[in-house]
C-alpha atoms as a PDB file:
ATOM      1  CA  MET A   1       0.000   0.000   0.000  1.00  0.00           C
ATOM      2  CA  PRO A   2       2.730   2.571   0.822  1.00  0.00           C
ATOM      3  CA  ASN A   3       4.437   1.845  -2.536  1.00  0.00           C
ATOM      4  CA  SER A   4       1.126   2.386  -4.362  1.00  0.00           C
ATOM      5  CA  PHE A   5       0.609   5.671  -2.510  1.00  0.00           C
ATOM      6  CA  ILE A   6       4.092   6.884  -3.443  1.00  0.00           C
ATOM      7  CA  THR A   7       3.556   5.978  -7.102  1.00  0.00           C
ATOM      8  CA  ARG A   8       0.236   7.830  -7.188  1.00  0.00           C
ATOM      9  CA  ALA A   9       1.745  10.847  -5.418  1.00  0.00           C
ATOM     10  CA  LYS A  10       4.550  11.013  -8.013  1.00  0.00           C
ATOM     11  CA  LEU A  11       2.045  10.813 -10.855  1.00  0.00           C
ATOM     12  CA  ALA A  12      -0.086  13.533  -9.261  1.00  0.00           C
ATOM     13  CA  ALA A  13       2.972  15.763  -8.841  1.00  0.00           C
ATOM     14  CA  ARG A  14       3.898  15.293 -12.507  1.00  0.00           C
ATOM     15  CA  VAL A  15       0.373  16.261 -13.586  1.00  0.00           C
ATOM     16  CA  LEU A  16       0.378  19.347 -11.328  1.00  0.00           C
ATOM     17  CA  LEU A  17       3.753  20.394 -12.747  1.00  0.00           C
ATOM     18  CA  GLY A  18       2.409  20.025 -16.265  1.00  0.00           C
ATOM     19  CA  LYS A  19       4.461  16.986 -17.150  1.00  0.00           C
ATOM     20  CA  ASN A  20       2.617  14.116 -18.771  1.00  0.00           C
ATOM     21  CA  PRO A  21       3.064  10.798 -17.010  1.00  0.00           C
ATOM     22  CA  PRO A  22       4.997   8.216 -19.022  1.00  0.00           C
ATOM     23  CA  GLN A  23       2.705   6.041 -21.092  1.00  0.00           C
ATOM     24  CA  PRO A  24       3.060   2.413 -20.036  1.00  0.00           C
ATOM     25  CA  ARG A  25       3.698  -0.206 -22.695  1.00  0.00           C
ATOM     26  CA  ARG A  26       1.646  -3.349 -22.781  1.00  0.00           C
ATOM     27  CA  GLY A  27       2.970  -6.881 -22.915  1.00  0.00           C
ATOM     28  CA  GLU A  28       2.997  -9.213 -25.895  1.00  0.00           C
ATOM     29  CA  ILE A  29       0.048  -8.794 -28.238  1.00  0.00           C
ATOM     30  CA  PRO A  30      -1.591 -12.187 -28.805  1.00  0.00           C
ATOM     31  CA  SER A  31      -1.638 -13.826 -32.231  1.00  0.00           C
ATOM     32  CA  ILE A  32      -4.889 -13.970 -34.129  1.00  0.00           C
ATOM     33  CA  SER A  33      -6.650 -17.323 -33.758  1.00  0.00           C
ATOM     34  CA  PRO A  34      -7.747 -19.516 -36.693  1.00  0.00           C
ATOM     35  CA  GLU A  35     -11.385 -18.798 -35.795  1.00  0.00           C
ATOM     36  CA  GLU A  36     -10.716 -15.045 -35.863  1.00  0.00           C
ATOM     37  CA  VAL A  37      -8.967 -15.384 -39.244  1.00  0.00           C
ATOM     38  CA  ALA A  38     -12.006 -17.188 -40.672  1.00  0.00           C
ATOM     39  CA  GLU A  39     -14.293 -14.511 -39.254  1.00  0.00           C
ATOM     40  CA  ALA A  40     -12.107 -11.689 -40.646  1.00  0.00           C
ATOM     41  CA  LYS A  41     -12.210 -13.278 -44.092  1.00  0.00           C
ATOM     42  CA  THR A  42     -16.005 -13.015 -44.145  1.00  0.00           C
ATOM     43  CA  PHE A  43     -15.596  -9.210 -44.054  1.00  0.00           C
ATOM     44  CA  PHE A  44     -12.312  -8.944 -45.993  1.00  0.00           C
ATOM     45  CA  PRO A  45     -12.184 -11.981 -48.302  1.00  0.00           C
ATOM     46  CA  LEU A  46      -9.302 -11.072 -50.616  1.00  0.00           C
ATOM     47  CA  ASP A  47      -6.196 -13.255 -50.406  1.00  0.00           C
ATOM     48  CA  LYS A  48      -3.177 -11.367 -49.055  1.00  0.00           C
ATOM     49  CA  PHE A  49       0.577 -11.499 -49.622  1.00  0.00           C
ATOM     50  CA  PHE A  50       3.570  -9.495 -48.458  1.00  0.00           C
ATOM     51  CA  ILE A  51       6.889  -8.932 -50.208  1.00  0.00           C
ATOM     52  CA  PHE A  52       9.864  -8.520 -47.881  1.00  0.00           C
ATOM     53  CA  GLY A  53      13.547  -8.199 -48.610  1.00  0.00           C
ATOM     54  CA  HIS A  54      16.506  -5.894 -48.217  1.00  0.00           C
ATOM     55  CA  ALA A  55      16.284  -2.624 -50.103  1.00  0.00           C
ATOM     56  CA  ARG A  56      17.739  -2.890 -53.627  1.00  0.00           C
ATOM     57  CA  SER A  57      17.075  -6.637 -53.727  1.00  0.00           C
ATOM     58  CA  GLY A  58      14.495  -6.598 -56.535  1.00  0.00           C
ATOM     59  CA  THR A  59      11.280  -6.065 -54.583  1.00  0.00           C
ATOM     60  CA  THR A  60      10.199  -3.147 -56.788  1.00  0.00           C
ATOM     61  CA  LEU A  61      10.790  -5.078 -60.012  1.00  0.00           C
ATOM     62  CA  LEU A  62       8.785  -8.023 -58.680  1.00  0.00           C
ATOM     63  CA  THR A  63       5.968  -5.699 -57.611  1.00  0.00           C
ATOM     64  CA  ARG A  64       5.798  -4.113 -61.057  1.00  0.00           C
ATOM     65  CA  LEU A  65       5.621  -7.548 -62.669  1.00  0.00           C
ATOM     66  CA  ILE A  66       2.903  -8.697 -60.262  1.00  0.00           C
ATOM     67  CA  ARG A  67       0.839  -5.575 -60.962  1.00  0.00           C
ATOM     68  CA  LEU A  68       0.576  -6.603 -64.622  1.00  0.00           C
ATOM     69  CA  HIS A  69      -1.819  -9.383 -63.653  1.00  0.00           C
ATOM     70  CA  PRO A  70      -5.422  -8.094 -63.859  1.00  0.00           C
ATOM     71  CA  GLU A  71      -6.585  -9.938 -60.715  1.00  0.00           C
ATOM     72  CA  VAL A  72      -3.657  -8.987 -58.462  1.00  0.00           C
ATOM     73  CA  HIS A  73      -3.051  -5.606 -56.871  1.00  0.00           C
ATOM     74  CA  CYS A  74       0.136  -4.780 -55.023  1.00  0.00           C
ATOM     75  CA  ASN A  75       1.096  -1.417 -53.626  1.00  0.00           C
ATOM     76  CA  TYR A  76       4.183   0.014 -52.003  1.00  0.00           C
ATOM     77  CA  GLN A  77       5.566   0.355 -48.533  1.00  0.00           C
ATOM     78  CA  ALA A  78       2.802   0.409 -45.964  1.00  0.00           C
ATOM     79  CA  HIS A  79       5.444  -1.081 -43.642  1.00  0.00           C
ATOM     80  CA  PHE A  80       2.855  -2.793 -41.471  1.00  0.00           C
ATOM     81  CA  PHE A  81       5.547  -5.091 -40.032  1.00  0.00           C
ATOM     82  CA  THR A  82       8.886  -3.834 -41.339  1.00  0.00           C
ATOM     83  CA  ARG A  83       9.514  -0.300 -40.081  1.00  0.00           C
ATOM     84  CA  ALA A  84       8.509   1.683 -37.004  1.00  0.00           C
ATOM     85  CA  PRO A  85       5.902   2.756 -36.173  1.00  0.00           C
ATOM     86  CA  LEU A  86       4.587  -0.739 -36.739  1.00  0.00           C
ATOM     87  CA  LEU A  87       0.964  -1.761 -37.174  1.00  0.00           C
ATOM     88  CA  GLN A  88       0.994  -3.125 -33.614  1.00  0.00           C
ATOM     89  CA  SER A  89       1.573   0.400 -32.276  1.00  0.00           C
ATOM     90  CA  LEU A  90      -2.179   0.939 -32.773  1.00  0.00           C
ATOM     91  CA  VAL A  91      -2.820  -1.282 -29.740  1.00  0.00           C
ATOM     92  CA  SER A  92       0.522  -1.235 -27.899  1.00  0.00           C
ATOM     93  CA  ASP A  93      -0.463   1.359 -25.308  1.00  0.00           C
ATOM     94  CA  GLU A  94      -1.266  -0.191 -21.929  1.00  0.00           C
ATOM     95  CA  GLU A  95      -4.592   1.624 -21.574  1.00  0.00           C
ATOM     96  CA  VAL A  96      -5.706   0.673 -25.078  1.00  0.00           C
ATOM     97  CA  GLY A  97      -4.704  -2.939 -24.440  1.00  0.00           C
ATOM     98  CA  ALA A  98      -6.625  -2.976 -21.166  1.00  0.00           C
ATOM     99  CA  TRP A  99      -9.702  -1.554 -22.898  1.00  0.00           C
ATOM    100  CA  LEU A 100      -9.540  -4.169 -25.691  1.00  0.00           C
ATOM    101  CA  ALA A 101      -9.208  -7.013 -23.163  1.00  0.00           C
ATOM    102  CA  ARG A 102     -11.487  -5.679 -20.395  1.00  0.00           C
ATOM    103  CA  ARG A 103     -13.448  -8.512 -18.746  1.00  0.00           C
ATOM    104  CA  SER A 104     -16.616  -6.438 -18.454  1.00  0.00           C
ATOM    105  CA  ASN A 105     -16.612  -5.841 -22.219  1.00  0.00           C
ATOM    106  CA  ARG A 106     -19.202  -8.208 -23.684  1.00  0.00           C
ATOM    107  CA  TRP A 107     -18.036  -7.497 -27.245  1.00  0.00           C
ATOM    108  CA  ASN A 108     -14.667  -9.198 -26.800  1.00  0.00           C
ATOM    109  CA  ARG A 109     -16.124 -12.575 -25.659  1.00  0.00           C
ATOM    110  CA  GLY A 110     -13.658 -12.700 -22.781  1.00  0.00           C
ATOM    111  CA  GLY A 111     -10.600 -12.356 -25.002  1.00  0.00           C
ATOM    112  CA  ASP A 112      -8.312  -9.638 -26.306  1.00  0.00           C
ATOM    113  CA  LEU A 113      -9.588  -7.786 -29.382  1.00  0.00           C
ATOM    114  CA  SER A 114      -6.103  -6.483 -30.267  1.00  0.00           C
ATOM    115  CA  PRO A 115      -5.283  -8.981 -33.049  1.00  0.00           C
ATOM    116  CA  ILE A 116      -8.730  -8.435 -34.602  1.00  0.00           C
ATOM    117  CA  VAL A 117      -8.263  -4.660 -34.543  1.00  0.00           C
ATOM    118  CA  LEU A 118      -4.842  -4.972 -36.189  1.00  0.00           C
ATOM    119  CA  ARG A 119      -6.147  -7.349 -38.839  1.00  0.00           C
ATOM    120  CA  ALA A 120      -9.202  -5.189 -39.584  1.00  0.00           C
ATOM    121  CA  ALA A 121      -7.105  -2.021 -39.934  1.00  0.00           C
ATOM    122  CA  ALA A 122      -4.615  -3.639 -42.313  1.00  0.00           C
ATOM    123  CA  ASP A 123      -7.330  -5.482 -44.255  1.00  0.00           C
ATOM    124  CA  TYR A 124      -9.262  -2.279 -44.829  1.00  0.00           C
ATOM    125  CA  ILE A 125      -6.166  -0.422 -46.031  1.00  0.00           C
ATOM    126  CA  LEU A 126      -5.219  -3.254 -48.387  1.00  0.00           C
ATOM    127  CA  GLU A 127      -8.658  -4.048 -49.777  1.00  0.00           C
ATOM    128  CA  ARG A 128     -10.108  -0.573 -50.294  1.00  0.00           C
ATOM    129  CA  GLU A 129      -7.799   0.105 -53.238  1.00  0.00           C
ATOM    130  CA  ALA A 130      -7.695  -3.477 -54.513  1.00  0.00           C
ATOM    131  CA  ARG A 131     -11.487  -3.595 -54.800  1.00  0.00           C
ATOM    132  CA  ARG A 132     -11.488  -0.421 -56.932  1.00  0.00           C
ATOM    133  CA  GLU A 133      -8.966  -2.139 -59.195  1.00  0.00           C
ATOM    134  CA  GLY A 134     -11.164  -5.258 -59.431  1.00  0.00           C
ATOM    135  CA  ALA A 135      -8.469  -7.474 -57.907  1.00  0.00           C
ATOM    136  CA  ARG A 136      -9.077 -10.658 -55.934  1.00  0.00           C
ATOM    137  CA  ILE A 137      -5.549 -10.872 -54.516  1.00  0.00           C
ATOM    138  CA  VAL A 138      -3.799  -7.969 -52.793  1.00  0.00           C
ATOM    139  CA  GLY A 139      -0.343  -7.441 -51.393  1.00  0.00           C
ATOM    140  CA  ASP A 140       2.111  -4.940 -50.009  1.00  0.00           C
ATOM    141  CA  LYS A 141       5.781  -4.548 -50.843  1.00  0.00           C
ATOM    142  CA  SER A 142       7.776  -3.292 -47.860  1.00  0.00           C
ATOM    143  CA  PRO A 143      11.510  -3.904 -48.158  1.00  0.00           C
ATOM    144  CA  ASN A 144      13.525  -3.420 -45.005  1.00  0.00           C
ATOM    145  CA  SER A 145      16.149  -5.201 -42.994  1.00  0.00           C
ATOM    146  CA  LEU A 146      16.055  -3.110 -39.814  1.00  0.00           C
ATOM    147  CA  LEU A 147      13.986  -5.634 -37.836  1.00  0.00           C
ATOM    148  CA  ASP A 148      15.813  -8.769 -39.028  1.00  0.00           C
ATOM    149  CA  GLY A 149      13.484 -11.773 -38.681  1.00  0.00           C
ATOM    150  CA  GLU A 150      11.118  -9.932 -36.341  1.00  0.00           C
ATOM    151  CA  ALA A 151       9.111  -8.641 -39.306  1.00  0.00           C
ATOM    152  CA  VAL A 152       8.241 -12.195 -40.339  1.00  0.00           C
ATOM    153  CA  ARG A 153       7.049 -13.068 -36.821  1.00  0.00           C
ATOM    154  CA  LEU A 154       4.949  -9.896 -36.563  1.00  0.00           C
ATOM    155  CA  MET A 155       3.359 -10.571 -39.951  1.00  0.00           C
ATOM    156  CA  HIS A 156       2.531 -14.146 -38.981  1.00  0.00           C
ATOM    157  CA  GLN A 157       0.825 -12.972 -35.752  1.00  0.00           C
ATOM    158  CA  VAL A 158      -1.747 -11.017 -37.764  1.00  0.00           C
ATOM    159  CA  TYR A 159      -1.678 -12.879 -41.100  1.00  0.00           C
ATOM    160  CA  PRO A 160      -0.947 -16.581 -40.539  1.00  0.00           C
ATOM    161  CA  ASP A 161      -2.951 -17.274 -43.704  1.00  0.00           C
ATOM    162  CA  ALA A 162      -1.096 -14.811 -45.954  1.00  0.00           C
ATOM    163  CA  ARG A 163       1.714 -15.622 -48.359  1.00  0.00           C
ATOM    164  CA  LEU A 164       5.179 -14.201 -47.748  1.00  0.00           C
ATOM    165  CA  ILE A 165       7.558 -13.564 -50.617  1.00  0.00           C
ATOM    166  CA  TYR A 166      11.035 -12.911 -49.262  1.00  0.00           C
ATOM    167  CA  ILE A 167      13.634 -11.876 -51.822  1.00  0.00           C
ATOM    168  CA  VAL A 168      17.287 -12.575 -51.084  1.00  0.00           C
ATOM    169  CA  ARG A 169      19.875 -10.973 -53.355  1.00  0.00           C
ATOM    170  CA  ASP A 170      23.630 -11.444 -53.248  1.00  0.00           C
ATOM    171  CA  GLY A 171      24.900  -8.834 -50.793  1.00  0.00           C
ATOM    172  CA  ARG A 172      27.602  -7.666 -53.200  1.00  0.00           C
ATOM    173  CA  ASP A 173      25.013  -6.904 -55.876  1.00  0.00           C
ATOM    174  CA  ALA A 174      22.800  -5.089 -53.369  1.00  0.00           C
ATOM    175  CA  ALA A 175      25.777  -2.957 -52.232  1.00  0.00           C
ATOM    176  CA  ILE A 176      26.618  -2.005 -55.839  1.00  0.00           C
ATOM    177  CA  SER A 177      22.952  -1.206 -56.485  1.00  0.00           C
ATOM    178  CA  HIS A 178      22.917   1.045 -53.392  1.00  0.00           C
ATOM    179  CA  ARG A 179      25.986   2.857 -54.708  1.00  0.00           C
ATOM    180  CA  PHE A 180      24.426   3.448 -58.134  1.00  0.00           C
ATOM    181  CA  GLN A 181      21.213   4.625 -56.467  1.00  0.00           C
ATOM    182  CA  ALA A 182      23.236   7.223 -54.535  1.00  0.00           C
ATOM    183  CA  PHE A 183      24.551   8.580 -57.846  1.00  0.00           C
ATOM    184  CA  ILE A 184      21.058   8.666 -59.341  1.00  0.00           C
ATOM    185  CA  ASP A 185      19.516  10.396 -56.319  1.00  0.00           C
ATOM    186  CA  LYS A 186      22.382  12.879 -55.851  1.00  0.00           C
ATOM    187  CA  THR A 187      23.851  13.895 -59.188  1.00  0.00           C
ATOM    188  CA  GLU A 188      26.455  16.099 -57.461  1.00  0.00           C
ATOM    189  CA  HIS A 189      28.365  12.837 -56.801  1.00  0.00           C
ATOM    190  CA  LEU A 190      29.031  12.505 -60.530  1.00  0.00           C
ATOM    191  CA  SER A 191      32.396  13.823 -61.764  1.00  0.00           C
ATOM    192  CA  ILE A 192      30.905  15.025 -65.096  1.00  0.00           C
ATOM    193  CA  PRO A 193      28.346  17.816 -64.752  1.00  0.00           C
ATOM    194  CA  VAL A 194      24.834  16.805 -65.726  1.00  0.00           C
ATOM    195  CA  GLY A 195      23.932  17.973 -69.236  1.00  0.00           C
ATOM    196  CA  VAL A 196      27.529  17.937 -70.541  1.00  0.00           C
ATOM    197  CA  LEU A 197      27.127  14.599 -72.308  1.00  0.00           C
END
């Protein structure tokens, strides 16, 4: 009890001094269940896929080729699972997590609505454009290597039914491609002034 009183007194002092209390972070967000996946697909039925890979590994070329198919729509770099802020940040706050898993909430059927909220948000973003295009399969291309294998795990938590295309390119080729991209993006790196040729 004394420890609780001290904690509350510190929080009250911070509020009185105009400092916002630190926002607590919630624990691990549960994975979506097979039953929840089936239910989500009744609202958002399009098949999903994600293209991962290191930048300059060929993800853009593959996306352009995929987009040629009339029934497949793929767009660029939502970074749901590959770059911060991640999709899970929508429910990562402790208060939001508590609200989604509150026992008195009859809508959540005694569980945590977090994985359903994440799935619904991503599904809506993916399908709203794909439906306008008349596609029946939709995907997102988000190259990044900052999270290592964590991106694959995060994707599988929300989309265990989705396909993952992971491109691996020889690191030497990717490094050379990065170097050429630097020249293309910043022409001042070239020794011959642009327009001379």
